[in-house]
């Protein structure tokens, strides 16, 4: 199986910044809706979602409410328009150095994380750790962002343009 960086490079089309050439909003929406149903069921809750992210390579955001988790910290799942990429964060992307850091600080329960990861994997998503997404982007696309930091893989597949 390809390693994660190889997958990111394979999906990195310099012509399609917000979405790949074969992007089907209906297909991605269908997959996202199945994910929402699954996680709602697994956590016995109604997750908050956002599928109206404008000018972004990110398709949707799902939030498992804090009161539905063991540690009392919400879990955020982001899905990219570049199928099948997804990422998971405790509280919010950037709040921790990644899920391992959140677990070490007692803010993310292993069982809760396993539920989310299993739902993603069983529905065909590839989870990309936040630690990889925040590394320097050296791909084929010419990315232009506001701010002084050079772009990273997060900007490429989950950021706004």
Protein backbone atom coordinates (compact mmCIF):
# COMPACT_ATOMS: atom_id res chain seq x y z
CA UNK A 1 0.00 0.00 0.00
CA UNK A 2 1.13 3.50 -0.76
CA UNK A 3 2.42 5.54 2.13
CA UNK A 4 0.48 8.67 3.02
CA UNK A 5 2.88 11.16 1.46
CA UNK A 6 2.74 9.21 -1.81
CA UNK A 7 -1.06 9.42 -1.70
CA UNK A 8 -0.92 13.19 -1.14
CA UNK A 9 1.51 13.61 -4.04
CA UNK A 10 -0.65 11.43 -6.33
CA UNK A 11 -3.74 13.53 -5.56
CA UNK A 12 -1.85 16.82 -5.99
CA UNK A 13 -3.08 18.12 -9.34
CA UNK A 14 -1.70 21.61 -10.08
CA UNK A 15 -4.74 22.30 -12.29
CA UNK A 16 -7.29 21.46 -9.62
CA UNK A 17 -6.64 23.49 -6.48
CA UNK A 18 -10.09 23.33 -4.86
CA UNK A 19 -11.08 19.93 -6.23
CA UNK A 20 -9.76 17.22 -8.51
CA UNK A 21 -10.79 16.98 -12.17
CA UNK A 22 -13.04 13.99 -11.43
CA UNK A 23 -14.73 15.65 -8.44
CA UNK A 24 -18.38 14.72 -7.96
CA UNK A 25 -20.07 16.81 -5.31
CA UNK A 26 -22.93 14.30 -5.16
CA UNK A 27 -20.54 11.39 -4.57
CA UNK A 28 -18.59 13.21 -1.87
CA UNK A 29 -21.82 14.41 -0.23
CA UNK A 30 -23.19 10.87 -0.22
CA UNK A 31 -20.04 9.51 1.43
CA UNK A 32 -20.04 12.36 3.97
CA UNK A 33 -23.69 11.77 4.83
CA UNK A 34 -22.99 8.06 5.42
CA UNK A 35 -20.12 9.09 7.72
CA UNK A 36 -22.42 11.42 9.67
CA UNK A 37 -25.05 8.69 10.13
CA UNK A 38 -22.40 6.21 11.25
CA UNK A 39 -20.73 8.52 13.77
CA UNK A 40 -24.09 9.76 15.09
CA UNK A 41 -24.99 6.12 15.71
CA UNK A 42 -21.62 5.16 17.20
CA UNK A 43 -21.72 8.07 19.67
CA UNK A 44 -25.52 8.09 20.20
CA UNK A 45 -25.68 11.78 19.37
CA UNK A 46 -26.40 14.30 16.63
CA UNK A 47 -23.15 15.72 15.35
CA UNK A 48 -22.93 19.26 14.09
CA UNK A 49 -21.89 19.40 10.43
CA UNK A 50 -20.89 21.97 7.85
CA UNK A 51 -20.97 21.15 4.15
CA UNK A 52 -20.93 24.73 2.87
CA UNK A 53 -17.23 25.53 3.03
CA UNK A 54 -16.54 28.08 0.32
CA UNK A 55 -13.33 28.53 -1.70
CA UNK A 56 -11.71 25.55 -0.04
CA UNK A 57 -10.38 22.09 -0.82
CA UNK A 58 -12.27 20.96 2.29
CA UNK A 59 -15.70 19.50 1.65
CA UNK A 60 -17.11 19.10 5.12
CA UNK A 61 -16.66 19.27 8.85
CA UNK A 62 -18.27 17.00 11.42
CA UNK A 63 -18.10 17.65 15.18
CA UNK A 64 -18.77 15.02 17.82
CA UNK A 65 -20.05 17.10 20.76
CA UNK A 66 -17.88 17.23 23.88
CA UNK A 67 -20.68 15.85 26.04
CA UNK A 68 -20.71 12.68 23.88
CA UNK A 69 -17.02 11.89 24.44
CA UNK A 70 -15.34 10.21 27.39
CA UNK A 71 -12.90 13.08 28.03
CA UNK A 72 -15.39 15.90 27.44
CA UNK A 73 -13.48 17.26 24.43
CA UNK A 74 -15.20 17.47 21.06
CA UNK A 75 -13.79 15.48 18.16
CA UNK A 76 -13.56 17.16 14.76
CA UNK A 77 -13.47 15.24 11.48
CA UNK A 78 -12.63 17.06 8.26
CA UNK A 79 -13.22 15.58 4.82
CA UNK A 80 -11.40 16.87 1.75
CA UNK A 81 -12.88 17.24 -1.74
CA UNK A 82 -9.87 15.14 -2.73
CA UNK A 83 -11.40 11.75 -2.06
CA UNK A 84 -10.63 9.81 0.10
CA UNK A 85 -8.72 12.19 2.42
CA UNK A 86 -9.92 12.90 5.95
CA UNK A 87 -8.34 14.05 9.21
CA UNK A 88 -9.30 13.87 12.87
CA UNK A 89 -8.52 16.37 15.63
CA UNK A 90 -9.38 16.76 19.30
CA UNK A 91 -11.20 20.05 20.04
CA UNK A 92 -10.15 21.74 16.78
CA UNK A 93 -7.38 21.34 14.21
CA UNK A 94 -4.27 22.98 15.63
CA UNK A 95 -5.40 22.72 19.26
CA UNK A 96 -2.90 19.88 19.79
CA UNK A 97 0.10 18.60 17.85
CA UNK A 98 -2.09 15.70 16.75
CA UNK A 99 -4.30 12.99 18.20
CA UNK A 100 -1.40 11.32 20.06
CA UNK A 101 -0.63 14.60 21.82
CA UNK A 102 -4.31 15.04 22.73
CA UNK A 103 -4.41 11.48 24.11
CA UNK A 104 -1.22 12.07 26.13
CA UNK A 105 -2.78 15.22 27.64
CA UNK A 106 -5.93 13.30 28.61
CA UNK A 107 -8.14 15.21 26.16
CA UNK A 108 -8.92 12.33 23.79
CA UNK A 109 -10.00 8.84 24.77
CA UNK A 110 -8.49 5.94 22.81
CA UNK A 111 -11.88 4.25 22.49
CA UNK A 112 -13.50 7.39 21.10
CA UNK A 113 -10.66 7.82 18.61
CA UNK A 114 -10.96 4.17 17.56
CA UNK A 115 -14.71 4.62 16.89
CA UNK A 116 -14.04 7.59 14.61
CA UNK A 117 -11.09 5.91 12.87
CA UNK A 118 -13.05 2.69 12.30
CA UNK A 119 -15.98 4.64 10.84
CA UNK A 120 -13.64 6.45 8.44
CA UNK A 121 -11.74 3.34 7.37
CA UNK A 122 -14.88 1.24 6.94
CA UNK A 123 -16.33 3.92 4.65
CA UNK A 124 -13.20 4.08 2.50
CA UNK A 125 -11.53 7.22 3.82
CA UNK A 126 -7.78 7.56 4.26
CA UNK A 127 -6.89 9.33 7.49
CA UNK A 128 -4.01 11.74 7.23
CA UNK A 129 -2.49 12.71 10.59
CA UNK A 130 -2.38 16.38 11.43
CA UNK A 131 1.37 16.01 12.01
CA UNK A 132 1.86 15.16 8.31
CA UNK A 133 -0.56 17.81 7.08
CA UNK A 134 1.38 20.55 8.87
CA UNK A 135 4.66 19.71 7.13
CA UNK A 136 5.99 21.96 4.38
CA UNK A 137 4.14 21.61 1.06
CA UNK A 138 6.57 20.83 -1.76
CA UNK A 139 4.07 19.61 -4.32
CA UNK A 140 3.27 20.53 -7.90
CA UNK A 141 0.61 23.22 -7.39
CA UNK A 142 1.41 26.90 -7.11
CA UNK A 143 -0.28 27.81 -3.84
CA UNK A 144 -0.85 31.42 -2.85
CA UNK A 145 -2.13 32.21 0.59
CA UNK A 146 -2.46 35.22 2.79
CA UNK A 147 0.09 35.30 5.58
CA UNK A 148 3.81 34.91 5.87
CA UNK A 149 4.17 31.18 6.44
CA UNK A 150 4.94 28.94 3.48
CA UNK A 151 2.08 26.57 2.56
CA UNK A 152 1.80 23.11 4.07
CA UNK A 153 -0.12 19.98 3.06
CA UNK A 154 -3.02 21.17 5.22
CA UNK A 155 -3.33 24.24 3.00
CA UNK A 156 -3.29 22.04 -0.09
CA UNK A 157 -6.05 19.60 0.85
CA UNK A 158 -8.07 21.29 3.60
CA UNK A 159 -7.28 25.01 3.31
CA UNK A 160 -9.08 27.94 1.74
CA UNK A 161 -8.07 29.66 -1.48
